[in-house]
């Protein structure tokens, strides 16, 4: 499943690493593509969208 999210609080390299590691904790095979200028992340995962969004929100990156 491809999931595209806007994460307004993702603003730097550290944020991007945190988002990537959070997604990969849920799904070790997930592919994460981050575009910092647009605060967008595209995630290829087998996990449900709600689970991914909840995990990111718990880490301080709620989807807009």
PDB file of N, CA and C in Angstrom:
ATOM      1  N   UNK A   1       0.843  -1.172   0.000  1.00  0.00           N
ATOM      2  CA  UNK A   1       0.000   0.000   0.000  1.00  0.00           C
ATOM      3  C   UNK A   1       0.889   1.236   0.000  1.00  0.00           C
ATOM      4  N   UNK A   2       0.530   2.188  -0.817  1.00  0.00           N
ATOM      5  CA  UNK A   2       1.249   3.457  -0.850  1.00  0.00           C
ATOM      6  C   UNK A   2       0.449   4.484  -0.061  1.00  0.00           C
ATOM      7  N   UNK A   3       1.144   5.173   0.827  1.00  0.00           N
ATOM      8  CA  UNK A   3       0.516   6.150   1.704  1.00  0.00           C
ATOM      9  C   UNK A   3       1.295   7.446   1.592  1.00  0.00           C
ATOM     10  N   UNK A   4       0.631   8.540   1.241  1.00  0.00           N
ATOM     11  CA  UNK A   4       1.274   9.853   1.165  1.00  0.00           C
ATOM     12  C   UNK A   4       0.716  10.725   2.278  1.00  0.00           C
ATOM     13  N   UNK A   5       1.627  11.233   3.109  1.00  0.00           N
ATOM     14  CA  UNK A   5       1.222  12.041   4.258  1.00  0.00           C
ATOM     15  C   UNK A   5       1.950  13.378   4.237  1.00  0.00           C
ATOM     16  N   UNK A   6       1.290  14.407   4.734  1.00  0.00           N
ATOM     17  CA  UNK A   6       1.927  15.694   4.981  1.00  0.00           C
ATOM     18  C   UNK A   6       2.149  15.798   6.483  1.00  0.00           C
ATOM     19  N   UNK A   7       3.417  15.988   6.859  1.00  0.00           N
ATOM     20  CA  UNK A   7       3.785  16.094   8.275  1.00  0.00           C
ATOM     21  C   UNK A   7       4.381  17.483   8.499  1.00  0.00           C
ATOM     22  N   UNK A   8       3.543  18.464   8.881  1.00  0.00           N
ATOM     23  CA  UNK A   8       4.016  19.852   9.012  1.00  0.00           C
ATOM     24  C   UNK A   8       5.176  20.029   9.990  1.00  0.00           C
ATOM     25  N   UNK A   9       5.273  19.154  10.995  1.00  0.00           N
ATOM     26  CA  UNK A   9       6.324  19.293  12.004  1.00  0.00           C
ATOM     27  C   UNK A   9       7.640  18.651  11.587  1.00  0.00           C
ATOM     28  N   UNK A  10       7.704  18.014  10.433  1.00  0.00           N
ATOM     29  CA  UNK A  10       8.927  17.389   9.928  1.00  0.00           C
ATOM     30  C   UNK A  10       9.709  18.450   9.160  1.00  0.00           C
ATOM     31  N   UNK A  11      10.764  18.981   9.791  1.00  0.00           N
ATOM     32  CA  UNK A  11      11.441  20.139   9.206  1.00  0.00           C
ATOM     33  C   UNK A  11      12.939  19.967   8.977  1.00  0.00           C
ATOM     34  N   UNK A  12      13.535  18.870   9.462  1.00  0.00           N
ATOM     35  CA  UNK A  12      14.990  18.747   9.353  1.00  0.00           C
ATOM     36  C   UNK A  12      15.392  17.280   9.169  1.00  0.00           C
ATOM     37  N   UNK A  13      16.681  17.067   9.009  1.00  0.00           N
ATOM     38  CA  UNK A  13      17.200  15.719   8.827  1.00  0.00           C
ATOM     39  C   UNK A  13      16.908  14.809  10.010  1.00  0.00           C
ATOM     40  N   UNK A  14      16.992  15.349  11.219  1.00  0.00           N
ATOM     41  CA  UNK A  14      16.686  14.544  12.403  1.00  0.00           C
ATOM     42  C   UNK A  14      15.234  14.090  12.377  1.00  0.00           C
ATOM     43  N   UNK A  15      14.342  14.997  11.999  1.00  0.00           N
ATOM     44  CA  UNK A  15      12.922  14.656  11.883  1.00  0.00           C
ATOM     45  C   UNK A  15      12.739  13.525  10.866  1.00  0.00           C
ATOM     46  N   UNK A  16      13.404  13.653   9.729  1.00  0.00           N
ATOM     47  CA  UNK A  16      13.279  12.651   8.670  1.00  0.00           C
ATOM     48  C   UNK A  16      13.751  11.286   9.153  1.00  0.00           C
ATOM     49  N   UNK A  17      14.862  11.253   9.894  1.00  0.00           N
ATOM     50  CA  UNK A  17      15.366   9.976  10.427  1.00  0.00           C
ATOM     51  C   UNK A  17      14.387   9.386  11.426  1.00  0.00           C
ATOM     52  N   UNK A  18      13.783  10.228  12.268  1.00  0.00           N
ATOM     53  CA  UNK A  18      12.817   9.748  13.247  1.00  0.00           C
ATOM     54  C   UNK A  18      11.586   9.172  12.559  1.00  0.00           C
ATOM     55  N   UNK A  19      11.086   9.870  11.540  1.00  0.00           N
ATOM     56  CA  UNK A  19       9.921   9.394  10.787  1.00  0.00           C
ATOM     57  C   UNK A  19      10.246   8.055  10.133  1.00  0.00           C
ATOM     58  N   UNK A  20      11.406   7.958   9.499  1.00  0.00           N
ATOM     59  CA  UNK A  20      11.808   6.717   8.829  1.00  0.00           C
ATOM     60  C   UNK A  20      11.917   5.575   9.826  1.00  0.00           C
ATOM     61  N   UNK A  21      12.571   5.807  10.953  1.00  0.00           N
ATOM     62  CA  UNK A  21      12.742   4.718  11.923  1.00  0.00           C
ATOM     63  C   UNK A  21      11.419   4.319  12.561  1.00  0.00           C
ATOM     64  N   UNK A  22      10.522   5.272  12.763  1.00  0.00           N
ATOM     65  CA  UNK A  22       9.200   4.957  13.324  1.00  0.00           C
ATOM     66  C   UNK A  22       8.421   4.045  12.384  1.00  0.00           C
ATOM     67  N   UNK A  23       8.431   4.371  11.096  1.00  0.00           N
ATOM     68  CA  UNK A  23       7.723   3.545  10.113  1.00  0.00           C
ATOM     69  C   UNK A  23       8.361   2.158  10.043  1.00  0.00           C
ATOM     70  N   UNK A  24       9.688   2.102  10.060  1.00  0.00           N
ATOM     71  CA  UNK A  24      10.367   0.821   9.921  1.00  0.00           C
ATOM     72  C   UNK A  24      10.263  -0.051  11.173  1.00  0.00           C
ATOM     73  N   UNK A  25       9.939   0.544  12.313  1.00  0.00           N
ATOM     74  CA  UNK A  25       9.650  -0.265  13.504  1.00  0.00           C
ATOM     75  C   UNK A  25       8.346  -1.037  13.310  1.00  0.00           C
ATOM     76  N   UNK A  26       7.393  -0.419  12.618  1.00  0.00           N
ATOM     77  CA  UNK A  26       6.117  -1.082  12.325  1.00  0.00           C
ATOM     78  C   UNK A  26       6.269  -2.120  11.223  1.00  0.00           C
ATOM     79  N   UNK A  27       7.051  -1.772  10.206  1.00  0.00           N
ATOM     80  CA  UNK A  27       7.214  -2.634   9.033  1.00  0.00           C
ATOM     81  C   UNK A  27       8.662  -2.514   8.567  1.00  0.00           C
ATOM     82  N   UNK A  28       9.470  -3.506   8.902  1.00  0.00           N
ATOM     83  CA  UNK A  28      10.904  -3.461   8.599  1.00  0.00           C
ATOM     84  C   UNK A  28      11.187  -3.373   7.107  1.00  0.00           C
ATOM     85  N   UNK A  29      10.239  -3.785   6.269  1.00  0.00           N
ATOM     86  CA  UNK A  29      10.458  -3.756   4.821  1.00  0.00           C
ATOM     87  C   UNK A  29       9.853  -2.510   4.172  1.00  0.00           C
ATOM     88  N   UNK A  30       9.316  -1.608   4.966  1.00  0.00           N
ATOM     89  CA  UNK A  30       8.686  -0.399   4.419  1.00  0.00           C
ATOM     90  C   UNK A  30       9.709   0.459   3.677  1.00  0.00           C
ATOM     91  N   UNK A  31       9.249   1.071   2.597  1.00  0.00           N
ATOM     92  CA  UNK A  31      10.055   2.031   1.843  1.00  0.00           C
ATOM     93  C   UNK A  31       9.536   3.423   2.184  1.00  0.00           C
ATOM     94  N   UNK A  32      10.453   4.322   2.563  1.00  0.00           N
ATOM     95  CA  UNK A  32      10.071   5.667   2.992  1.00  0.00           C
ATOM     96  C   UNK A  32      10.809   6.684   2.123  1.00  0.00           C
ATOM     97  N   UNK A  33      10.050   7.566   1.473  1.00  0.00           N
ATOM     98  CA  UNK A  33      10.624   8.640   0.672  1.00  0.00           C
ATOM     99  C   UNK A  33      10.160   9.965   1.265  1.00  0.00           C
ATOM    100  N   UNK A  34      11.131  10.792   1.640  1.00  0.00           N
ATOM    101  CA  UNK A  34      10.812  12.047   2.328  1.00  0.00           C
ATOM    102  C   UNK A  34      11.201  13.240   1.468  1.00  0.00           C
ATOM    103  N   UNK A  35      10.307  14.226   1.429  1.00  0.00           N
ATOM    104  CA  UNK A  35      10.577  15.502   0.777  1.00  0.00           C
ATOM    105  C   UNK A  35      10.426  16.582   1.849  1.00  0.00           C
ATOM    106  N   UNK A  36      11.556  16.981   2.429  1.00  0.00           N
ATOM    107  CA  UNK A  36      11.505  17.958   3.526  1.00  0.00           C
ATOM    108  C   UNK A  36      10.902  19.302   3.132  1.00  0.00           C
ATOM    109  N   UNK A  37      11.266  19.891   1.979  1.00  0.00           N
ATOM    110  CA  UNK A  37      10.692  21.209   1.652  1.00  0.00           C
ATOM    111  C   UNK A  37       9.164  21.227   1.642  1.00  0.00           C
ATOM    112  N   UNK A  38       8.544  20.125   1.209  1.00  0.00           N
ATOM    113  CA  UNK A  38       7.074  20.089   1.162  1.00  0.00           C
ATOM    114  C   UNK A  38       6.479  19.374   2.375  1.00  0.00           C
ATOM    115  N   UNK A  39       7.349  18.902   3.289  1.00  0.00           N
ATOM    116  CA  UNK A  39       6.906  18.185   4.504  1.00  0.00           C
ATOM    117  C   UNK A  39       6.089  16.945   4.154  1.00  0.00           C
ATOM    118  N   UNK A  40       6.450  16.299   3.051  1.00  0.00           N
ATOM    119  CA  UNK A  40       5.693  15.149   2.567  1.00  0.00           C
ATOM    120  C   UNK A  40       6.506  13.866   2.717  1.00  0.00           C
ATOM    121  N   UNK A  41       5.813  12.795   3.059  1.00  0.00           N
ATOM    122  CA  UNK A  41       6.441  11.480   3.113  1.00  0.00           C
ATOM    123  C   UNK A  41       5.558  10.499   2.346  1.00  0.00           C
ATOM    124  N   UNK A  42       6.198   9.682   1.514  1.00  0.00           N
ATOM    125  CA  UNK A  42       5.506   8.625   0.783  1.00  0.00           C
ATOM    126  C   UNK A  42       6.012   7.307   1.359  1.00  0.00           C
ATOM    127  N   UNK A  43       5.081   6.496   1.825  1.00  0.00           N
ATOM    128  CA  UNK A  43       5.427   5.251   2.507  1.00  0.00           C
ATOM    129  C   UNK A  43       4.803   4.079   1.758  1.00  0.00           C
ATOM    130  N   UNK A  44       5.633   3.103   1.422  1.00  0.00           N
ATOM    131  CA  UNK A  44       5.162   1.827   0.874  1.00  0.00           C
ATOM    132  C   UNK A  44       5.224   0.832   2.021  1.00  0.00           C
ATOM    133  N   UNK A  45       4.067   0.345   2.466  1.00  0.00           N
ATOM    134  CA  UNK A  45       4.027  -0.524   3.628  1.00  0.00           C
ATOM    135  C   UNK A  45       2.880  -1.521   3.532  1.00  0.00           C
ATOM    136  N   UNK A  46       2.993  -2.568   4.324  1.00  0.00           N
ATOM    137  CA  UNK A  46       1.914  -3.550   4.421  1.00  0.00           C
ATOM    138  C   UNK A  46       1.015  -3.244   5.616  1.00  0.00           C
ATOM    139  N   UNK A  47       1.405  -2.258   6.407  1.00  0.00           N
ATOM    140  CA  UNK A  47       0.640  -1.899   7.605  1.00  0.00           C
ATOM    141  C   UNK A  47      -0.553  -1.014   7.242  1.00  0.00           C
ATOM    142  N   UNK A  48      -1.620  -1.063   8.059  1.00  0.00           N
ATOM    143  CA  UNK A  48      -2.772  -0.184   7.809  1.00  0.00           C
ATOM    144  C   UNK A  48      -2.394   1.292   7.986  1.00  0.00           C
ATOM    145  N   UNK A  49      -3.014   2.146   7.196  1.00  0.00           N
ATOM    146  CA  UNK A  49      -2.726   3.583   7.252  1.00  0.00           C
ATOM    147  C   UNK A  49      -2.921   4.140   8.660  1.00  0.00           C
ATOM    148  N   UNK A  50      -3.983   3.715   9.339  1.00  0.00           N
ATOM    149  CA  UNK A  50      -4.247   4.230  10.686  1.00  0.00           C
ATOM    150  C   UNK A  50      -3.120   3.896  11.655  1.00  0.00           C
ATOM    151  N   UNK A  51      -2.539   2.707  11.532  1.00  0.00           N
ATOM    152  CA  UNK A  51      -1.442   2.305  12.421  1.00  0.00           C
ATOM    153  C   UNK A  51      -0.213   3.173  12.173  1.00  0.00           C
ATOM    154  N   UNK A  52       0.064   3.459  10.915  1.00  0.00           N
ATOM    155  CA  UNK A  52       1.216   4.298  10.573  1.00  0.00           C
ATOM    156  C   UNK A  52       1.000   5.714  11.092  1.00  0.00           C
ATOM    157  N   UNK A  53      -0.182   6.265  10.842  1.00  0.00           N
ATOM    158  CA  UNK A  53      -0.484   7.629  11.301  1.00  0.00           C
ATOM    159  C   UNK A  53      -0.409   7.729  12.818  1.00  0.00           C
ATOM    160  N   UNK A  54      -0.923   6.732  13.522  1.00  0.00           N
ATOM    161  CA  UNK A  54      -0.906   6.755  14.983  1.00  0.00           C
ATOM    162  C   UNK A  54       0.529   6.703  15.503  1.00  0.00           C
ATOM    163  N   UNK A  55       1.353   5.831  14.941  1.00  0.00           N
ATOM    164  CA  UNK A  55       2.746   5.722  15.384  1.00  0.00           C
ATOM    165  C   UNK A  55       3.491   7.033  15.158  1.00  0.00           C
ATOM    166  N   UNK A  56       3.270   7.668  14.011  1.00  0.00           N
ATOM    167  CA  UNK A  56       3.932   8.946  13.734  1.00  0.00           C
ATOM    168  C   UNK A  56       3.440  10.033  14.682  1.00  0.00           C
ATOM    169  N   UNK A  57       2.151  10.073  14.960  1.00  0.00           N
ATOM    170  CA  UNK A  57       1.601  11.072  15.886  1.00  0.00           C
ATOM    171  C   UNK A  57       2.192  10.890  17.280  1.00  0.00           C
ATOM    172  N   UNK A  58       2.351   9.646  17.714  1.00  0.00           N
ATOM    173  CA  UNK A  58       2.924   9.369  19.036  1.00  0.00           C
ATOM    174  C   UNK A  58       4.370   9.841  19.124  1.00  0.00           C
ATOM    175  N   UNK A  59       5.063   9.907  17.980  1.00  0.00           N
ATOM    176  CA  UNK A  59       6.451  10.388  17.954  1.00  0.00           C
ATOM    177  C   UNK A  59       6.525  11.903  17.757  1.00  0.00           C
ATOM    178  N   UNK A  60       5.370  12.572  17.648  1.00  0.00           N
ATOM    179  CA  UNK A  60       5.356  14.025  17.513  1.00  0.00           C
ATOM    180  C   UNK A  60       5.200  14.520  16.094  1.00  0.00           C
ATOM    181  N   UNK A  61       4.807  13.631  15.181  1.00  0.00           N
ATOM    182  CA  UNK A  61       4.643  14.005  13.773  1.00  0.00           C
ATOM    183  C   UNK A  61       3.245  13.658  13.291  1.00  0.00           C
ATOM    184  N   UNK A  62       2.229  14.365  13.791  1.00  0.00           N
ATOM    185  CA  UNK A  62       0.857  14.081  13.321  1.00  0.00           C
ATOM    186  C   UNK A  62       0.671  14.508  11.871  1.00  0.00           C
ATOM    187  N   UNK A  63      -0.058  13.701  11.133  1.00  0.00           N
ATOM    188  CA  UNK A  63      -0.344  14.027   9.737  1.00  0.00           C
ATOM    189  C   UNK A  63      -1.402  15.126   9.670  1.00  0.00           C
ATOM    190  N   UNK A  64      -1.196  16.034   8.719  1.00  0.00           N
ATOM    191  CA  UNK A  64      -2.161  17.127   8.548  1.00  0.00           C
ATOM    192  C   UNK A  64      -3.320  16.684   7.692  1.00  0.00           C
TER     193      UNK A  64
END
